[in-house]
Amino acid sequence: MAKGLKGIDNAAASKGKGVETLWQFIKFIVVSLGAFVIQTVLPILIRIPMSEEFQTRAFDWWIFHDATDAKTGVVTGLGLFLAANLANIIAQIVSFFINRDKTFNSDANIAVTLPIYVVFTIALICFSAWLSPTLINFFQAHNVNTDLSLFLSGAICGAIQFFLYFPFDKLLFPKKKEAVEEAEAAKEAVEEKAE
């Protein structure tokens, strides 16, 4: 499949920057769907072995706080917070390597790009960790159960991250020189056929 994917990459590049970026966006969507599944389903699986007491343990640290259902008094506490953020971290690690290698065909130095990616990811995870309890409170105030509230919260945070990561990754992961040369050769071949 990698040879087929490389052929599609070259064909897209030969059509110009706009088509190439559109093709990268399509590949990014596929990778992001995998990250989305990890980010929305994994918290539910992670919390299975957790005790109810740990899941609902109240906490308040910096901008992070537990979410309390105003109607039932149920606290989505430390355990759920940790489950949601662990899943987010795992999803972003997977996305980094797949997007670098497959989506953007980049050979960017991991020692340089990974720390930049980590800082950006930590900022987004902090934002999501702040937003998630707020969304959970909102959904539970509208009689949505805890699992569905957690799922919807993860989905919304994942969507926000999706729209921020594509332009960031596009800048962070320049194409390999050989991929640029192959794309230019493919473009020249298309132009010669057109003449």
N, C-alpha and C. Protein backbone atom coordinates (compact mmCIF):
# COMPACT_ATOMS: atom_id res chain seq x y z
N MET A 1 0.82 -1.20 0.00
CA MET A 1 0.00 0.00 0.00
C MET A 1 0.86 1.26 0.00
N ALA A 2 2.03 1.18 0.64
CA ALA A 2 2.88 2.37 0.71
C ALA A 2 3.27 2.82 -0.69
N LYS A 3 3.54 1.85 -1.61
CA LYS A 3 3.89 2.22 -2.97
C LYS A 3 2.70 2.89 -3.65
N GLY A 4 1.50 2.37 -3.43
CA GLY A 4 0.30 2.98 -3.98
C GLY A 4 0.05 4.36 -3.41
N LEU A 5 0.26 4.51 -2.13
CA LEU A 5 0.09 5.81 -1.48
C LEU A 5 1.10 6.81 -2.01
N LYS A 6 2.33 6.35 -2.22
CA LYS A 6 3.37 7.23 -2.75
C LYS A 6 3.01 7.68 -4.17
N GLY A 7 2.43 6.77 -4.94
CA GLY A 7 1.99 7.12 -6.29
C GLY A 7 0.90 8.17 -6.28
N ILE A 8 -0.05 8.02 -5.36
CA ILE A 8 -1.12 9.02 -5.23
C ILE A 8 -0.54 10.35 -4.76
N ASP A 9 0.42 10.28 -3.83
CA ASP A 9 1.08 11.51 -3.36
C ASP A 9 1.73 12.25 -4.53
N ASN A 10 2.45 11.51 -5.38
CA ASN A 10 3.12 12.12 -6.53
C ASN A 10 2.12 12.68 -7.53
N ALA A 11 1.03 11.93 -7.77
CA ALA A 11 0.00 12.41 -8.70
C ALA A 11 -0.63 13.70 -8.17
N ALA A 12 -0.91 13.75 -6.88
CA ALA A 12 -1.50 14.96 -6.29
C ALA A 12 -0.53 16.12 -6.39
N ALA A 13 0.75 15.86 -6.11
CA ALA A 13 1.75 16.92 -6.16
C ALA A 13 1.92 17.44 -7.59
N SER A 14 1.75 16.55 -8.57
CA SER A 14 1.91 16.99 -9.96
C SER A 14 0.77 17.91 -10.41
N LYS A 15 -0.33 17.90 -9.69
CA LYS A 15 -1.48 18.75 -10.03
C LYS A 15 -1.37 20.15 -9.43
N GLY A 16 -0.37 20.36 -8.58
CA GLY A 16 -0.18 21.68 -7.99
C GLY A 16 -0.34 21.66 -6.48
N LYS A 17 0.04 22.77 -5.87
CA LYS A 17 0.02 22.89 -4.40
C LYS A 17 -1.37 22.71 -3.82
N GLY A 18 -2.38 23.26 -4.47
CA GLY A 18 -3.74 23.18 -3.95
C GLY A 18 -4.23 21.74 -3.85
N VAL A 19 -4.03 20.96 -4.91
CA VAL A 19 -4.45 19.56 -4.91
C VAL A 19 -3.61 18.76 -3.92
N GLU A 20 -2.32 19.06 -3.86
CA GLU A 20 -1.45 18.37 -2.91
C GLU A 20 -1.90 18.62 -1.47
N THR A 21 -2.22 19.87 -1.15
CA THR A 21 -2.69 20.20 0.20
C THR A 21 -4.03 19.53 0.48
N LEU A 22 -4.91 19.49 -0.51
CA LEU A 22 -6.20 18.81 -0.34
C LEU A 22 -5.98 17.33 -0.06
N TRP A 23 -5.05 16.69 -0.79
CA TRP A 23 -4.74 15.28 -0.56
C TRP A 23 -4.15 15.08 0.84
N GLN A 24 -3.28 15.97 1.27
CA GLN A 24 -2.74 15.88 2.63
C GLN A 24 -3.85 16.03 3.66
N PHE A 25 -4.80 16.91 3.39
CA PHE A 25 -5.92 17.11 4.31
C PHE A 25 -6.77 15.84 4.40
N ILE A 26 -6.98 15.18 3.27
CA ILE A 26 -7.74 13.92 3.28
C ILE A 26 -7.00 12.87 4.12
N LYS A 27 -5.69 12.75 3.92
CA LYS A 27 -4.91 11.78 4.72
C LYS A 27 -4.95 12.17 6.20
N PHE A 28 -4.88 13.47 6.47
CA PHE A 28 -4.93 13.96 7.84
C PHE A 28 -6.27 13.60 8.48
N ILE A 29 -7.34 13.69 7.72
CA ILE A 29 -8.67 13.31 8.22
C ILE A 29 -8.67 11.85 8.64
N VAL A 30 -8.11 10.98 7.80
CA VAL A 30 -8.09 9.54 8.12
C VAL A 30 -7.30 9.29 9.40
N VAL A 31 -6.13 9.89 9.51
CA VAL A 31 -5.32 9.73 10.73
C VAL A 31 -6.07 10.31 11.93
N SER A 32 -6.69 11.45 11.74
CA SER A 32 -7.43 12.09 12.83
C SER A 32 -8.62 11.26 13.27
N LEU A 33 -9.25 10.55 12.35
CA LEU A 33 -10.35 9.67 12.73
C LEU A 33 -9.86 8.58 13.68
N GLY A 34 -8.66 8.06 13.40
CA GLY A 34 -8.07 7.08 14.32
C GLY A 34 -7.80 7.69 15.68
N ALA A 35 -7.26 8.90 15.68
CA ALA A 35 -7.00 9.59 16.95
C ALA A 35 -8.32 9.89 17.66
N PHE A 36 -9.34 10.24 16.89
CA PHE A 36 -10.67 10.52 17.45
C PHE A 36 -11.22 9.29 18.16
N VAL A 37 -11.09 8.13 17.53
CA VAL A 37 -11.57 6.89 18.15
C VAL A 37 -10.82 6.64 19.46
N ILE A 38 -9.50 6.81 19.42
CA ILE A 38 -8.70 6.63 20.63
C ILE A 38 -9.16 7.61 21.71
N GLN A 39 -9.31 8.87 21.34
CA GLN A 39 -9.62 9.93 22.31
C GLN A 39 -11.02 9.82 22.88
N THR A 40 -11.96 9.24 22.14
CA THR A 40 -13.33 9.18 22.64
C THR A 40 -13.69 7.84 23.27
N VAL A 41 -13.07 6.76 22.82
CA VAL A 41 -13.42 5.44 23.35
C VAL A 41 -12.49 5.02 24.49
N LEU A 42 -11.21 5.32 24.37
CA LEU A 42 -10.24 4.89 25.38
C LEU A 42 -10.56 5.36 26.80
N PRO A 43 -11.06 6.58 27.02
CA PRO A 43 -11.38 6.97 28.41
C PRO A 43 -12.41 6.04 29.05
N ILE A 44 -13.35 5.58 28.26
CA ILE A 44 -14.37 4.67 28.78
C ILE A 44 -13.73 3.35 29.18
N LEU A 45 -12.77 2.87 28.36
CA LEU A 45 -12.08 1.62 28.67
C LEU A 45 -11.13 1.78 29.85
N ILE A 46 -10.44 2.91 29.91
CA ILE A 46 -9.49 3.16 31.00
C ILE A 46 -10.20 3.19 32.35
N ARG A 47 -11.40 3.70 32.38
CA ARG A 47 -12.08 3.83 33.67
C ARG A 47 -12.70 2.53 34.16
N ILE A 48 -12.75 1.50 33.33
CA ILE A 48 -13.36 0.23 33.75
C ILE A 48 -12.73 -0.31 35.03
N PRO A 49 -11.40 -0.39 35.14
CA PRO A 49 -10.84 -0.94 36.39
C PRO A 49 -10.84 0.04 37.57
N MET A 50 -11.21 1.29 37.34
CA MET A 50 -11.19 2.29 38.41
C MET A 50 -12.37 2.11 39.35
N SER A 51 -12.10 2.35 40.61
CA SER A 51 -13.20 2.31 41.58
C SER A 51 -14.09 3.53 41.39
N GLU A 52 -15.33 3.41 41.80
CA GLU A 52 -16.27 4.53 41.71
C GLU A 52 -15.77 5.71 42.53
N GLU A 53 -15.15 5.41 43.68
CA GLU A 53 -14.63 6.47 44.55
C GLU A 53 -13.53 7.26 43.84
N PHE A 54 -12.63 6.56 43.13
CA PHE A 54 -11.54 7.24 42.43
C PHE A 54 -12.09 8.05 41.25
N GLN A 55 -13.05 7.48 40.53
CA GLN A 55 -13.63 8.19 39.39
C GLN A 55 -14.30 9.48 39.80
N THR A 56 -14.88 9.49 40.99
CA THR A 56 -15.65 10.66 41.43
C THR A 56 -14.94 11.48 42.50
N ARG A 57 -13.67 11.17 42.75
CA ARG A 57 -12.91 11.93 43.75
C ARG A 57 -12.78 13.39 43.31
N ALA A 58 -13.21 14.28 44.15
CA ALA A 58 -13.16 15.71 43.83
C ALA A 58 -11.70 16.18 43.77
N PHE A 59 -11.43 17.10 42.88
CA PHE A 59 -10.11 17.70 42.80
C PHE A 59 -10.25 19.12 42.26
N ASP A 60 -9.28 19.93 42.59
CA ASP A 60 -9.25 21.30 42.10
C ASP A 60 -7.78 21.72 42.08
N TRP A 61 -7.22 21.85 40.90
CA TRP A 61 -5.82 22.20 40.77
C TRP A 61 -5.65 23.13 39.57
N TRP A 62 -5.10 24.29 39.80
CA TRP A 62 -4.81 25.29 38.79
C TRP A 62 -6.08 25.59 38.01
N ILE A 63 -6.12 25.35 36.68
CA ILE A 63 -7.35 25.61 35.92
C ILE A 63 -8.22 24.36 35.81
N PHE A 64 -7.77 23.28 36.41
CA PHE A 64 -8.48 22.01 36.30
C PHE A 64 -9.33 21.78 37.54
N HIS A 65 -10.53 21.32 37.29
CA HIS A 65 -11.44 21.05 38.40
C HIS A 65 -12.41 19.94 38.01
N ASP A 66 -12.99 19.33 39.03
CA ASP A 66 -13.96 18.29 38.75
C ASP A 66 -15.25 18.90 38.20
N ALA A 67 -16.04 18.05 37.59
CA ALA A 67 -17.35 18.48 37.08
C ALA A 67 -18.41 17.85 37.96
N THR A 68 -19.33 18.67 38.45
CA THR A 68 -20.39 18.17 39.32
C THR A 68 -21.74 18.41 38.67
N ASP A 69 -22.51 17.34 38.53
CA ASP A 69 -23.85 17.44 37.97
C ASP A 69 -24.74 18.16 38.98
N ALA A 70 -25.26 19.31 38.59
CA ALA A 70 -26.07 20.13 39.49
C ALA A 70 -27.35 19.42 39.92
N LYS A 71 -27.89 18.55 39.07
CA LYS A 71 -29.15 17.88 39.39
C LYS A 71 -28.96 16.67 40.29
N THR A 72 -27.93 15.85 39.98
CA THR A 72 -27.74 14.60 40.72
C THR A 72 -26.65 14.69 41.77
N GLY A 73 -25.77 15.68 41.65
CA GLY A 73 -24.66 15.80 42.58
C GLY A 73 -23.51 14.86 42.27
N VAL A 74 -23.60 14.11 41.15
CA VAL A 74 -22.54 13.18 40.77
C VAL A 74 -21.32 13.97 40.32
N VAL A 75 -20.17 13.59 40.85
CA VAL A 75 -18.92 14.26 40.51
C VAL A 75 -18.17 13.42 39.49
N THR A 76 -17.81 14.03 38.36
CA THR A 76 -16.90 13.38 37.42
C THR A 76 -15.52 13.89 37.81
N GLY A 77 -14.85 13.12 38.62
CA GLY A 77 -13.67 13.61 39.30
C GLY A 77 -12.35 13.19 38.71
N LEU A 78 -11.40 12.95 39.60
CA LEU A 78 -10.01 12.72 39.25
C LEU A 78 -9.84 11.55 38.29
N GLY A 79 -10.50 10.44 38.54
CA GLY A 79 -10.36 9.27 37.68
C GLY A 79 -10.77 9.55 36.25
N LEU A 80 -11.89 10.21 36.08
CA LEU A 80 -12.36 10.54 34.73
C LEU A 80 -11.45 11.57 34.07
N PHE A 81 -10.96 12.52 34.85
CA PHE A 81 -10.02 13.52 34.35
C PHE A 81 -8.76 12.84 33.83
N LEU A 82 -8.21 11.92 34.62
CA LEU A 82 -7.00 11.21 34.21
C LEU A 82 -7.26 10.33 32.99
N ALA A 83 -8.39 9.64 32.96
CA ALA A 83 -8.72 8.77 31.83
C ALA A 83 -8.82 9.57 30.53
N ALA A 84 -9.50 10.70 30.58
CA ALA A 84 -9.68 11.52 29.39
C ALA A 84 -8.35 12.08 28.89
N ASN A 85 -7.50 12.52 29.81
CA ASN A 85 -6.23 13.11 29.39
C ASN A 85 -5.20 12.08 28.98
N LEU A 86 -5.19 10.92 29.60
CA LEU A 86 -4.30 9.85 29.17
C LEU A 86 -4.66 9.42 27.75
N ALA A 87 -5.93 9.29 27.46
CA ALA A 87 -6.37 8.92 26.12
C ALA A 87 -5.97 10.00 25.11
N ASN A 88 -6.07 11.25 25.48
CA ASN A 88 -5.69 12.36 24.61
C ASN A 88 -4.20 12.31 24.30
N ILE A 89 -3.39 12.06 25.30
CA ILE A 89 -1.93 11.98 25.11
C ILE A 89 -1.59 10.83 24.17
N ILE A 90 -2.19 9.67 24.38
CA ILE A 90 -1.93 8.51 23.52
C ILE A 90 -2.34 8.82 22.08
N ALA A 91 -3.49 9.45 21.90
CA ALA A 91 -3.97 9.80 20.56
C ALA A 91 -2.99 10.75 19.86
N GLN A 92 -2.44 11.70 20.59
CA GLN A 92 -1.53 12.67 19.98
C GLN A 92 -0.17 12.06 19.64
N ILE A 93 0.30 11.12 20.45
CA ILE A 93 1.56 10.44 20.15
C ILE A 93 1.42 9.64 18.85
N VAL A 94 0.33 8.90 18.73
CA VAL A 94 0.08 8.12 17.52
C VAL A 94 -0.01 9.06 16.31
N SER A 95 -0.74 10.15 16.45
CA SER A 95 -0.93 11.10 15.34
C SER A 95 0.39 11.73 14.90
N PHE A 96 1.26 12.07 15.84
CA PHE A 96 2.53 12.71 15.50
C PHE A 96 3.31 11.88 14.50
N PHE A 97 3.52 10.61 14.81
CA PHE A 97 4.37 9.78 13.97
C PHE A 97 3.70 9.44 12.64
N ILE A 98 2.41 9.15 12.65
CA ILE A 98 1.73 8.82 11.39
C ILE A 98 1.66 10.04 10.48
N ASN A 99 1.31 11.19 11.03
CA ASN A 99 1.22 12.40 10.20
C ASN A 99 2.58 12.80 9.66
N ARG A 100 3.60 12.69 10.47
CA ARG A 100 4.95 13.06 10.01
C ARG A 100 5.36 12.20 8.83
N ASP A 101 5.18 10.88 8.97
CA ASP A 101 5.67 9.95 7.95
C ASP A 101 4.74 9.80 6.75
N LYS A 102 3.45 9.66 6.99
CA LYS A 102 2.52 9.31 5.91
C LYS A 102 1.76 10.50 5.34
N THR A 103 1.27 11.37 6.19
CA THR A 103 0.45 12.48 5.70
C THR A 103 1.30 13.53 5.00
N PHE A 104 2.40 13.94 5.62
CA PHE A 104 3.20 15.04 5.08
C PHE A 104 4.51 14.59 4.45
N ASN A 105 4.78 13.27 4.43
CA ASN A 105 6.01 12.73 3.82
C ASN A 105 7.24 13.52 4.26
N SER A 106 7.36 13.70 5.56
CA SER A 106 8.41 14.56 6.09
C SER A 106 9.55 13.75 6.69
N ASP A 107 10.73 14.29 6.57
CA ASP A 107 11.88 13.72 7.27
C ASP A 107 12.41 14.73 8.28
N ALA A 108 11.52 15.59 8.74
CA ALA A 108 11.89 16.61 9.72
C ALA A 108 12.53 15.94 10.94
N ASN A 109 13.54 16.58 11.47
CA ASN A 109 14.29 16.06 12.60
C ASN A 109 13.38 15.92 13.83
N ILE A 110 13.23 14.69 14.30
CA ILE A 110 12.36 14.43 15.45
C ILE A 110 12.87 15.16 16.69
N ALA A 111 14.19 15.28 16.84
CA ALA A 111 14.75 15.96 18.01
C ALA A 111 14.34 17.44 18.04
N VAL A 112 14.04 18.01 16.90
CA VAL A 112 13.60 19.40 16.84
C VAL A 112 12.07 19.49 16.86
N THR A 113 11.42 18.68 16.03
CA THR A 113 9.96 18.81 15.88
C THR A 113 9.18 18.25 17.06
N LEU A 114 9.67 17.18 17.66
CA LEU A 114 8.91 16.57 18.76
C LEU A 114 8.75 17.53 19.95
N PRO A 115 9.82 18.21 20.41
CA PRO A 115 9.61 19.16 21.51
C PRO A 115 8.62 20.29 21.16
N ILE A 116 8.68 20.79 19.93
CA ILE A 116 7.73 21.82 19.51
C ILE A 116 6.31 21.25 19.54
N TYR A 117 6.16 20.04 19.02
CA TYR A 117 4.86 19.37 18.99
C TYR A 117 4.35 19.12 20.41
N VAL A 118 5.26 18.72 21.30
CA VAL A 118 4.88 18.45 22.69
C VAL A 118 4.36 19.73 23.36
N VAL A 119 5.04 20.85 23.17
CA VAL A 119 4.59 22.11 23.77
C VAL A 119 3.21 22.49 23.24
N PHE A 120 3.02 22.39 21.93
CA PHE A 120 1.72 22.70 21.33
C PHE A 120 0.65 21.75 21.86
N THR A 121 1.00 20.48 21.95
CA THR A 121 0.06 19.46 22.43
C THR A 121 -0.30 19.70 23.89
N ILE A 122 0.68 20.03 24.72
CA ILE A 122 0.40 20.31 26.13
C ILE A 122 -0.56 21.49 26.25
N ALA A 123 -0.34 22.52 25.44
CA ALA A 123 -1.26 23.68 25.47
C ALA A 123 -2.68 23.25 25.08
N LEU A 124 -2.79 22.43 24.04
CA LEU A 124 -4.12 21.97 23.62
C LEU A 124 -4.75 21.03 24.65
N ILE A 125 -3.93 20.18 25.25
CA ILE A 125 -4.45 19.27 26.27
C ILE A 125 -4.91 20.05 27.49
N CYS A 126 -4.15 21.07 27.88
CA CYS A 126 -4.59 21.92 29.00
C CYS A 126 -5.92 22.59 28.67
N PHE A 127 -6.04 23.08 27.44
CA PHE A 127 -7.30 23.69 27.03
C PHE A 127 -8.43 22.66 27.09
N SER A 128 -8.18 21.47 26.55
CA SER A 128 -9.20 20.42 26.55
C SER A 128 -9.52 19.96 27.97
N ALA A 129 -8.49 19.90 28.82
CA ALA A 129 -8.71 19.48 30.21
C ALA A 129 -9.54 20.52 30.97
N TRP A 130 -9.43 21.77 30.57
CA TRP A 130 -10.27 22.80 31.17
C TRP A 130 -11.69 22.75 30.58
N LEU A 131 -11.78 22.57 29.26
CA LEU A 131 -13.07 22.59 28.57
C LEU A 131 -13.91 21.35 28.87
N SER A 132 -13.26 20.21 28.98
CA SER A 132 -13.99 18.94 29.14
C SER A 132 -14.94 18.93 30.34
N PRO A 133 -14.49 19.28 31.56
CA PRO A 133 -15.44 19.29 32.68
C PRO A 133 -16.58 20.28 32.48
N THR A 134 -16.28 21.39 31.82
CA THR A 134 -17.33 22.37 31.55
C THR A 134 -18.39 21.77 30.64
N LEU A 135 -17.94 21.05 29.61
CA LEU A 135 -18.89 20.41 28.70
C LEU A 135 -19.65 19.29 29.40
N ILE A 136 -18.95 18.51 30.23
CA ILE A 136 -19.61 17.43 30.96
C ILE A 136 -20.70 18.01 31.86
N ASN A 137 -20.39 19.08 32.57
CA ASN A 137 -21.41 19.75 33.40
C ASN A 137 -22.61 20.18 32.55
N PHE A 138 -22.32 20.76 31.40
CA PHE A 138 -23.39 21.22 30.52
C PHE A 138 -24.29 20.06 30.09
N PHE A 139 -23.66 18.97 29.62
CA PHE A 139 -24.45 17.83 29.15
C PHE A 139 -25.23 17.19 30.29
N GLN A 140 -24.60 17.05 31.44
CA GLN A 140 -25.30 16.43 32.56
C GLN A 140 -26.44 17.31 33.07
N ALA A 141 -26.30 18.60 32.93
CA ALA A 141 -27.40 19.50 33.30
C ALA A 141 -28.61 19.31 32.38
N HIS A 142 -28.33 18.72 31.21
CA HIS A 142 -29.40 18.44 30.24
C HIS A 142 -29.74 16.94 30.22
N ASN A 143 -29.53 16.27 31.36
CA ASN A 143 -29.91 14.87 31.58
C ASN A 143 -29.20 13.87 30.67
N VAL A 144 -27.94 14.14 30.32
CA VAL A 144 -27.13 13.20 29.55
C VAL A 144 -26.31 12.40 30.55
N ASN A 145 -26.26 11.05 30.40
CA ASN A 145 -25.54 10.24 31.38
C ASN A 145 -24.03 10.46 31.29
N THR A 146 -23.31 9.95 32.27
CA THR A 146 -21.87 10.22 32.40
C THR A 146 -21.08 9.70 31.20
N ASP A 147 -21.33 8.46 30.76
CA ASP A 147 -20.57 7.91 29.63
C ASP A 147 -20.79 8.73 28.36
N LEU A 148 -22.02 9.07 28.07
CA LEU A 148 -22.30 9.86 26.88
C LEU A 148 -21.74 11.28 27.02
N SER A 149 -21.81 11.85 28.21
CA SER A 149 -21.23 13.17 28.44
C SER A 149 -19.72 13.14 28.21
N LEU A 150 -19.06 12.09 28.70
CA LEU A 150 -17.62 11.92 28.51
C LEU A 150 -17.30 11.76 27.03
N PHE A 151 -18.10 10.96 26.33
CA PHE A 151 -17.91 10.73 24.89
C PHE A 151 -18.07 12.03 24.11
N LEU A 152 -19.16 12.76 24.36
CA LEU A 152 -19.41 14.01 23.64
C LEU A 152 -18.35 15.05 23.94
N SER A 153 -17.92 15.12 25.18
CA SER A 153 -16.87 16.05 25.56
C SER A 153 -15.58 15.74 24.80
N GLY A 154 -15.22 14.46 24.75
CA GLY A 154 -14.03 14.05 24.00
C GLY A 154 -14.15 14.34 22.52
N ALA A 155 -15.35 14.14 21.97
CA ALA A 155 -15.58 14.40 20.55
C ALA A 155 -15.42 15.89 20.23
N ILE A 156 -15.96 16.74 21.06
CA ILE A 156 -15.87 18.19 20.82
C ILE A 156 -14.42 18.66 20.97
N CYS A 157 -13.76 18.21 22.02
CA CYS A 157 -12.35 18.60 22.21
C CYS A 157 -11.49 18.07 21.05
N GLY A 158 -11.78 16.86 20.60
CA GLY A 158 -11.05 16.28 19.47
C GLY A 158 -11.27 17.08 18.19
N ALA A 159 -12.49 17.54 17.96
CA ALA A 159 -12.78 18.34 16.76
C ALA A 159 -12.02 19.67 16.79
N ILE A 160 -11.98 20.30 17.94
CA ILE A 160 -11.24 21.56 18.07
C ILE A 160 -9.76 21.31 17.77
N GLN A 161 -9.22 20.24 18.34
CA GLN A 161 -7.82 19.93 18.11
C GLN A 161 -7.56 19.63 16.63
N PHE A 162 -8.48 18.93 15.99
CA PHE A 162 -8.34 18.60 14.57
C PHE A 162 -8.12 19.86 13.75
N PHE A 163 -8.95 20.87 13.95
CA PHE A 163 -8.86 22.07 13.14
C PHE A 163 -7.65 22.94 13.48
N LEU A 164 -7.05 22.72 14.62
CA LEU A 164 -5.83 23.45 14.97
C LEU A 164 -4.57 22.70 14.53
N TYR A 165 -4.62 21.37 14.57
CA TYR A 165 -3.43 20.58 14.26
C TYR A 165 -3.05 20.59 12.78
N PHE A 166 -4.01 20.60 11.85
CA PHE A 166 -3.63 20.51 10.43
C PHE A 166 -2.69 21.63 10.00
N PRO A 167 -3.05 22.90 10.20
CA PRO A 167 -2.11 23.95 9.77
C PRO A 167 -0.80 23.91 10.55
N PHE A 168 -0.89 23.56 11.83
CA PHE A 168 0.33 23.46 12.64
C PHE A 168 1.25 22.37 12.10
N ASP A 169 0.70 21.18 11.84
CA ASP A 169 1.50 20.08 11.32
C ASP A 169 2.05 20.38 9.93
N LYS A 170 1.27 21.05 9.12
CA LYS A 170 1.72 21.39 7.76
C LYS A 170 2.97 22.27 7.82
N LEU A 171 3.01 23.18 8.78
CA LEU A 171 4.19 24.02 8.95
C LEU A 171 5.35 23.26 9.60
N LEU A 172 5.03 22.38 10.53
CA LEU A 172 6.05 21.68 11.30
C LEU A 172 6.75 20.58 10.51
N PHE A 173 6.04 19.97 9.58
CA PHE A 173 6.57 18.81 8.85
C PHE A 173 6.78 19.13 7.37
N PRO A 174 7.91 19.75 7.00
CA PRO A 174 8.17 20.00 5.58
C PRO A 174 8.42 18.67 4.85
N LYS A 175 8.11 18.65 3.56
CA LYS A 175 8.28 17.43 2.77
C LYS A 175 9.75 17.03 2.68
N LYS A 176 9.96 15.72 2.52
CA LYS A 176 11.31 15.21 2.27
C LYS A 176 11.80 15.77 0.94
N LYS A 177 13.11 15.98 0.84
CA LYS A 177 13.66 16.50 -0.40
C LYS A 177 13.38 15.55 -1.56
N GLU A 178 13.51 14.25 -1.30
CA GLU A 178 13.25 13.28 -2.38
C GLU A 178 11.79 13.32 -2.81
N ALA A 179 10.88 13.56 -1.88
CA ALA A 179 9.46 13.65 -2.23
C ALA A 179 9.20 14.89 -3.07
N VAL A 180 9.89 15.98 -2.76
CA VAL A 180 9.75 17.20 -3.55
C VAL A 180 10.27 16.96 -4.97
N GLU A 181 11.42 16.29 -5.09
CA GLU A 181 11.99 16.00 -6.40
C GLU A 181 11.07 15.08 -7.20
N GLU A 182 10.50 14.05 -6.56
CA GLU A 182 9.58 13.15 -7.24
C GLU A 182 8.33 13.89 -7.71
N ALA A 183 7.83 14.78 -6.88
CA ALA A 183 6.64 15.56 -7.24
C ALA A 183 6.92 16.47 -8.43
N GLU A 184 8.10 17.09 -8.44
CA GLU A 184 8.46 17.96 -9.56
C GLU A 184 8.60 17.15 -10.84
N ALA A 185 9.20 15.96 -10.75
CA ALA A 185 9.34 15.10 -11.93
C ALA A 185 7.97 14.66 -12.44
N ALA A 186 7.08 14.31 -11.53
CA ALA A 186 5.73 13.90 -11.93
C ALA A 186 4.99 15.06 -12.57
N LYS A 187 5.17 16.26 -12.05
CA LYS A 187 4.51 17.44 -12.61
C LYS A 187 5.03 17.72 -14.01
N GLU A 188 6.35 17.60 -14.20
CA GLU A 188 6.93 17.81 -15.52
C GLU A 188 6.41 16.78 -16.51
N ALA A 189 6.27 15.53 -16.06
CA ALA A 189 5.75 14.47 -16.94
C ALA A 189 4.32 14.77 -17.36
N VAL A 190 3.51 15.26 -16.44
CA VAL A 190 2.12 15.62 -16.76
C VAL A 190 2.09 16.78 -17.75
N GLU A 191 2.96 17.76 -17.55
CA GLU A 191 3.01 18.91 -18.45
C GLU A 191 3.46 18.50 -19.85
N GLU A 192 4.42 17.56 -19.93
CA GLU A 192 4.88 17.08 -21.23
C GLU A 192 3.78 16.34 -21.96
N LYS A 193 2.99 15.54 -21.24
CA LYS A 193 1.87 14.83 -21.86
C LYS A 193 0.82 15.80 -22.37
N ALA A 194 0.63 16.89 -21.65
CA ALA A 194 -0.37 17.88 -22.04
C ALA A 194 0.02 18.60 -23.33
N GLU A 195 1.31 18.69 -23.59
CA GLU A 195 1.79 19.40 -24.79
C GLU A 195 1.71 18.50 -25.95
